[in-house]
Amino acid sequence: MIKIEAIFRPERLENIKTALSDVGIVGLTVTQVSGRGAQGGVEVTAARGLGTYRMDMLPKVKLEVVVNDPDADKAVDVIRTNAITGAPGDGKIFISPVADAIRIRTGEHGPDAV
């Protein structure tokens, strides 16, 4: 099993959820987060000519999904394809092995629990 964590722009979430569902990946967790990367934030112009300021912690979405090994590349491809805008700040995808998973309701372990 593989855990995929993706951090990306909030406006890309609906497209990503739909695309994952279209390839049979429906179980996921989404968290609203903020962060910064190499981009270092953005320069924002205040209303009424009050100057500019730097927002260095930008709103992002963190999506977590655990898939069986054969589905990992497909999930990563779907997320990347639907998250990309081509501009700095598109985000990152992190991939980690999962030792075990347990479905609380039934007690199933491993790939059957995913």
N, C-alpha and C. Protein backbone atom coordinates (compact mmCIF):
# COMPACT_ATOMS: atom_id res chain seq x y z
N MET A 1 0.83 -1.18 0.00
CA MET A 1 0.00 0.00 0.00
C MET A 1 0.88 1.24 0.00
N ILE A 2 0.35 2.30 -0.59
CA ILE A 2 1.08 3.54 -0.76
C ILE A 2 0.21 4.70 -0.27
N LYS A 3 0.83 5.61 0.50
CA LYS A 3 0.14 6.83 0.90
C LYS A 3 0.65 7.96 0.04
N ILE A 4 -0.28 8.69 -0.55
CA ILE A 4 0.05 9.84 -1.38
C ILE A 4 -0.49 11.08 -0.68
N GLU A 5 0.40 12.02 -0.42
CA GLU A 5 0.02 13.30 0.15
C GLU A 5 0.32 14.36 -0.91
N ALA A 6 -0.68 15.14 -1.24
CA ALA A 6 -0.51 16.19 -2.24
C ALA A 6 -0.93 17.52 -1.64
N ILE A 7 -0.12 18.53 -1.84
CA ILE A 7 -0.43 19.88 -1.39
C ILE A 7 -0.49 20.75 -2.64
N PHE A 8 -1.61 21.42 -2.83
CA PHE A 8 -1.83 22.15 -4.07
C PHE A 8 -2.78 23.32 -3.86
N ARG A 9 -3.04 24.06 -4.92
CA ARG A 9 -3.91 25.23 -4.89
C ARG A 9 -5.36 24.81 -4.61
N PRO A 10 -6.06 25.54 -3.73
CA PRO A 10 -7.43 25.17 -3.36
C PRO A 10 -8.40 25.08 -4.55
N GLU A 11 -8.20 25.94 -5.53
CA GLU A 11 -9.14 25.95 -6.67
C GLU A 11 -9.02 24.71 -7.55
N ARG A 12 -8.02 23.88 -7.35
CA ARG A 12 -7.83 22.67 -8.15
C ARG A 12 -8.51 21.44 -7.52
N LEU A 13 -9.03 21.58 -6.29
CA LEU A 13 -9.56 20.43 -5.56
C LEU A 13 -10.70 19.72 -6.28
N GLU A 14 -11.68 20.43 -6.74
CA GLU A 14 -12.85 19.78 -7.36
C GLU A 14 -12.44 18.95 -8.58
N ASN A 15 -11.56 19.50 -9.41
CA ASN A 15 -11.09 18.76 -10.59
C ASN A 15 -10.36 17.49 -10.18
N ILE A 16 -9.54 17.58 -9.13
CA ILE A 16 -8.78 16.42 -8.69
C ILE A 16 -9.70 15.36 -8.11
N LYS A 17 -10.66 15.76 -7.27
CA LYS A 17 -11.60 14.78 -6.70
C LYS A 17 -12.37 14.06 -7.80
N THR A 18 -12.84 14.81 -8.77
CA THR A 18 -13.60 14.21 -9.87
C THR A 18 -12.74 13.25 -10.68
N ALA A 19 -11.53 13.67 -11.00
CA ALA A 19 -10.63 12.83 -11.80
C ALA A 19 -10.24 11.55 -11.06
N LEU A 20 -9.99 11.65 -9.74
CA LEU A 20 -9.68 10.45 -8.96
C LEU A 20 -10.87 9.50 -8.94
N SER A 21 -12.04 10.05 -8.75
CA SER A 21 -13.26 9.23 -8.75
C SER A 21 -13.46 8.53 -10.10
N ASP A 22 -13.15 9.23 -11.17
CA ASP A 22 -13.29 8.67 -12.52
C ASP A 22 -12.41 7.45 -12.75
N VAL A 23 -11.29 7.36 -12.01
CA VAL A 23 -10.40 6.20 -12.15
C VAL A 23 -10.58 5.21 -10.99
N GLY A 24 -11.65 5.39 -10.21
CA GLY A 24 -11.99 4.42 -9.16
C GLY A 24 -11.37 4.67 -7.81
N ILE A 25 -10.78 5.84 -7.60
CA ILE A 25 -10.19 6.17 -6.30
C ILE A 25 -11.12 7.17 -5.61
N VAL A 26 -11.86 6.69 -4.61
CA VAL A 26 -12.87 7.55 -3.99
C VAL A 26 -12.57 7.90 -2.54
N GLY A 27 -11.83 7.06 -1.82
CA GLY A 27 -11.53 7.34 -0.43
C GLY A 27 -10.37 8.31 -0.31
N LEU A 28 -10.61 9.44 0.35
CA LEU A 28 -9.55 10.43 0.50
C LEU A 28 -9.85 11.33 1.70
N THR A 29 -8.84 12.03 2.15
CA THR A 29 -8.97 13.00 3.22
C THR A 29 -8.44 14.33 2.71
N VAL A 30 -9.16 15.40 3.00
CA VAL A 30 -8.77 16.74 2.55
C VAL A 30 -8.70 17.66 3.76
N THR A 31 -7.61 18.43 3.84
CA THR A 31 -7.42 19.39 4.92
C THR A 31 -7.04 20.73 4.32
N GLN A 32 -7.63 21.80 4.86
CA GLN A 32 -7.24 23.15 4.46
C GLN A 32 -5.98 23.51 5.25
N VAL A 33 -4.92 23.86 4.56
CA VAL A 33 -3.65 24.19 5.21
C VAL A 33 -3.11 25.49 4.64
N SER A 34 -2.03 25.98 5.23
CA SER A 34 -1.31 27.11 4.64
C SER A 34 0.17 26.79 4.69
N GLY A 35 0.89 27.35 3.76
CA GLY A 35 2.32 27.06 3.72
C GLY A 35 3.03 27.92 2.72
N ARG A 36 4.32 27.64 2.60
CA ARG A 36 5.13 28.36 1.62
C ARG A 36 6.22 27.43 1.13
N GLY A 37 6.68 27.72 -0.05
CA GLY A 37 7.75 26.93 -0.64
C GLY A 37 8.77 27.86 -1.27
N ALA A 38 9.39 27.39 -2.33
CA ALA A 38 10.43 28.16 -3.01
C ALA A 38 9.88 29.50 -3.52
N GLN A 39 8.59 29.52 -3.81
CA GLN A 39 7.95 30.73 -4.31
C GLN A 39 8.07 31.87 -3.30
N GLY A 40 8.05 31.54 -2.01
CA GLY A 40 8.23 32.56 -0.98
C GLY A 40 7.03 33.44 -0.72
N GLY A 41 5.87 33.10 -1.25
CA GLY A 41 4.68 33.91 -1.05
C GLY A 41 4.40 34.82 -2.23
N VAL A 42 3.50 35.76 -2.01
CA VAL A 42 3.12 36.70 -3.07
C VAL A 42 3.06 38.12 -2.52
N GLU A 43 3.25 39.07 -3.39
CA GLU A 43 3.12 40.48 -3.06
C GLU A 43 1.67 40.88 -3.28
N VAL A 44 1.05 41.49 -2.27
CA VAL A 44 -0.36 41.87 -2.34
C VAL A 44 -0.48 43.37 -2.22
N THR A 45 -1.30 43.96 -3.10
CA THR A 45 -1.56 45.40 -3.03
C THR A 45 -2.80 45.62 -2.17
N ALA A 46 -2.67 46.44 -1.15
CA ALA A 46 -3.77 46.73 -0.24
C ALA A 46 -4.79 47.64 -0.92
N ALA A 47 -6.03 47.62 -0.43
CA ALA A 47 -7.09 48.45 -0.96
C ALA A 47 -6.83 49.92 -0.67
N ARG A 48 -7.39 50.77 -1.48
CA ARG A 48 -7.34 52.22 -1.31
C ARG A 48 -5.93 52.78 -1.26
N GLY A 49 -5.02 52.16 -1.99
CA GLY A 49 -3.66 52.68 -2.09
C GLY A 49 -2.87 52.66 -0.80
N LEU A 50 -3.17 51.71 0.08
CA LEU A 50 -2.48 51.64 1.36
C LEU A 50 -1.15 50.90 1.27
N GLY A 51 -0.65 50.70 0.06
CA GLY A 51 0.65 50.08 -0.11
C GLY A 51 0.56 48.59 -0.42
N THR A 52 1.68 47.94 -0.30
CA THR A 52 1.73 46.50 -0.58
C THR A 52 2.31 45.78 0.63
N TYR A 53 2.02 44.51 0.70
CA TYR A 53 2.61 43.67 1.74
C TYR A 53 2.83 42.28 1.17
N ARG A 54 3.60 41.50 1.87
CA ARG A 54 3.95 40.16 1.40
C ARG A 54 3.17 39.13 2.20
N MET A 55 2.44 38.26 1.50
CA MET A 55 1.79 37.10 2.12
C MET A 55 2.72 35.92 1.91
N ASP A 56 3.37 35.48 2.98
CA ASP A 56 4.32 34.38 2.79
C ASP A 56 3.73 33.02 3.13
N MET A 57 2.58 32.98 3.80
CA MET A 57 1.88 31.71 4.08
C MET A 57 0.60 31.72 3.26
N LEU A 58 0.60 30.91 2.20
CA LEU A 58 -0.52 30.92 1.26
C LEU A 58 -1.48 29.77 1.55
N PRO A 59 -2.77 29.98 1.29
CA PRO A 59 -3.74 28.89 1.49
C PRO A 59 -3.50 27.77 0.48
N LYS A 60 -3.52 26.55 0.98
CA LYS A 60 -3.34 25.36 0.14
C LYS A 60 -4.32 24.29 0.62
N VAL A 61 -4.42 23.22 -0.14
CA VAL A 61 -5.20 22.05 0.23
C VAL A 61 -4.23 20.88 0.34
N LYS A 62 -4.41 20.08 1.38
CA LYS A 62 -3.62 18.86 1.52
C LYS A 62 -4.57 17.68 1.33
N LEU A 63 -4.30 16.88 0.32
CA LEU A 63 -5.09 15.70 0.02
C LEU A 63 -4.27 14.47 0.39
N GLU A 64 -4.88 13.54 1.12
CA GLU A 64 -4.21 12.30 1.48
C GLU A 64 -5.05 11.14 0.98
N VAL A 65 -4.40 10.19 0.35
CA VAL A 65 -5.08 9.00 -0.15
C VAL A 65 -4.14 7.82 -0.01
N VAL A 66 -4.69 6.68 0.42
CA VAL A 66 -3.92 5.45 0.49
C VAL A 66 -4.49 4.51 -0.57
N VAL A 67 -3.61 4.00 -1.42
CA VAL A 67 -4.03 3.12 -2.52
C VAL A 67 -3.20 1.85 -2.49
N ASN A 68 -3.72 0.84 -3.12
CA ASN A 68 -2.93 -0.38 -3.31
C ASN A 68 -1.83 -0.10 -4.32
N ASP A 69 -0.72 -0.81 -4.18
CA ASP A 69 0.47 -0.54 -5.00
C ASP A 69 0.20 -0.37 -6.49
N PRO A 70 -0.63 -1.22 -7.12
CA PRO A 70 -0.83 -1.08 -8.57
C PRO A 70 -1.52 0.23 -8.98
N ASP A 71 -2.20 0.89 -8.02
CA ASP A 71 -2.93 2.12 -8.34
C ASP A 71 -2.12 3.39 -8.06
N ALA A 72 -0.93 3.25 -7.48
CA ALA A 72 -0.17 4.43 -7.04
C ALA A 72 0.22 5.34 -8.20
N ASP A 73 0.81 4.79 -9.24
CA ASP A 73 1.23 5.64 -10.37
C ASP A 73 0.05 6.34 -11.02
N LYS A 74 -1.07 5.63 -11.14
CA LYS A 74 -2.27 6.22 -11.73
C LYS A 74 -2.77 7.38 -10.87
N ALA A 75 -2.80 7.21 -9.55
CA ALA A 75 -3.26 8.26 -8.65
C ALA A 75 -2.35 9.49 -8.73
N VAL A 76 -1.05 9.27 -8.70
CA VAL A 76 -0.10 10.38 -8.78
C VAL A 76 -0.27 11.12 -10.10
N ASP A 77 -0.42 10.40 -11.19
CA ASP A 77 -0.59 11.03 -12.50
C ASP A 77 -1.86 11.86 -12.55
N VAL A 78 -2.95 11.33 -12.01
CA VAL A 78 -4.22 12.07 -12.00
C VAL A 78 -4.09 13.34 -11.17
N ILE A 79 -3.48 13.24 -10.00
CA ILE A 79 -3.33 14.42 -9.15
C ILE A 79 -2.47 15.46 -9.84
N ARG A 80 -1.32 15.05 -10.35
CA ARG A 80 -0.42 16.01 -10.99
C ARG A 80 -1.06 16.67 -12.21
N THR A 81 -1.68 15.86 -13.05
CA THR A 81 -2.30 16.39 -14.27
C THR A 81 -3.38 17.41 -13.96
N ASN A 82 -4.12 17.20 -12.88
CA ASN A 82 -5.22 18.10 -12.56
C ASN A 82 -4.85 19.23 -11.61
N ALA A 83 -3.66 19.18 -11.01
CA ALA A 83 -3.22 20.24 -10.11
C ALA A 83 -2.38 21.30 -10.82
N ILE A 84 -1.78 20.93 -11.92
CA ILE A 84 -0.80 21.80 -12.56
C ILE A 84 -1.44 23.02 -13.22
N THR A 85 -0.82 24.18 -12.98
CA THR A 85 -1.18 25.40 -13.71
C THR A 85 0.02 25.89 -14.51
N GLY A 86 1.21 25.41 -14.13
CA GLY A 86 2.43 25.85 -14.79
C GLY A 86 3.09 27.04 -14.11
N ALA A 87 2.44 27.55 -13.07
CA ALA A 87 2.98 28.71 -12.36
C ALA A 87 3.61 28.27 -11.03
N PRO A 88 4.53 29.07 -10.49
CA PRO A 88 5.08 28.75 -9.18
C PRO A 88 3.95 28.62 -8.15
N GLY A 89 4.09 27.69 -7.22
CA GLY A 89 3.08 27.50 -6.19
C GLY A 89 2.09 26.40 -6.50
N ASP A 90 2.34 25.62 -7.56
CA ASP A 90 1.42 24.52 -7.89
C ASP A 90 1.40 23.44 -6.82
N GLY A 91 2.47 23.27 -6.06
CA GLY A 91 2.45 22.34 -4.95
C GLY A 91 3.44 21.20 -5.08
N LYS A 92 3.23 20.20 -4.24
CA LYS A 92 4.11 19.03 -4.18
C LYS A 92 3.28 17.78 -3.95
N ILE A 93 3.86 16.63 -4.33
CA ILE A 93 3.28 15.32 -4.06
C ILE A 93 4.34 14.51 -3.32
N PHE A 94 3.93 13.90 -2.20
CA PHE A 94 4.82 13.06 -1.41
C PHE A 94 4.26 11.64 -1.40
N ILE A 95 5.14 10.67 -1.55
CA ILE A 95 4.73 9.26 -1.66
C ILE A 95 5.47 8.47 -0.59
N SER A 96 4.70 7.68 0.20
CA SER A 96 5.28 6.90 1.29
C SER A 96 4.67 5.51 1.33
N PRO A 97 5.46 4.52 1.75
CA PRO A 97 4.90 3.18 1.94
C PRO A 97 4.03 3.14 3.20
N VAL A 98 3.02 2.30 3.18
CA VAL A 98 2.15 2.10 4.34
C VAL A 98 2.32 0.65 4.79
N ALA A 99 2.68 0.46 6.04
CA ALA A 99 2.93 -0.88 6.57
C ALA A 99 1.64 -1.68 6.72
N ASP A 100 0.56 -1.03 7.12
CA ASP A 100 -0.70 -1.74 7.31
C ASP A 100 -1.83 -0.73 7.37
N ALA A 101 -3.02 -1.21 7.14
CA ALA A 101 -4.24 -0.42 7.29
C ALA A 101 -5.29 -1.34 7.91
N ILE A 102 -6.13 -0.78 8.74
CA ILE A 102 -7.18 -1.56 9.39
C ILE A 102 -8.50 -0.83 9.24
N ARG A 103 -9.48 -1.52 8.69
CA ARG A 103 -10.83 -0.96 8.60
C ARG A 103 -11.47 -1.14 9.97
N ILE A 104 -11.80 -0.04 10.64
CA ILE A 104 -12.30 -0.09 12.00
C ILE A 104 -13.58 -0.92 12.11
N ARG A 105 -14.51 -0.74 11.20
CA ARG A 105 -15.80 -1.40 11.27
C ARG A 105 -15.69 -2.91 11.21
N THR A 106 -14.83 -3.44 10.32
CA THR A 106 -14.79 -4.89 10.08
C THR A 106 -13.54 -5.56 10.62
N GLY A 107 -12.50 -4.80 10.90
CA GLY A 107 -11.24 -5.37 11.34
C GLY A 107 -10.36 -5.87 10.21
N GLU A 108 -10.78 -5.67 8.96
CA GLU A 108 -9.96 -6.10 7.81
C GLU A 108 -8.60 -5.40 7.85
N HIS A 109 -7.57 -6.12 7.42
CA HIS A 109 -6.20 -5.60 7.39
C HIS A 109 -5.69 -5.50 5.96
N GLY A 110 -4.67 -4.67 5.77
CA GLY A 110 -3.95 -4.62 4.51
C GLY A 110 -4.76 -4.10 3.35
N PRO A 111 -4.47 -4.60 2.15
CA PRO A 111 -5.14 -4.11 0.95
C PRO A 111 -6.66 -4.22 0.98
N ASP A 112 -7.19 -5.19 1.71
CA ASP A 112 -8.65 -5.31 1.82
C ASP A 112 -9.27 -4.13 2.58
N ALA A 113 -8.48 -3.50 3.44
CA ALA A 113 -8.98 -2.37 4.22
C ALA A 113 -8.97 -1.07 3.42
N VAL A 114 -8.24 -1.07 2.33
CA VAL A 114 -8.17 0.14 1.50
C VAL A 114 -9.32 0.09 0.52
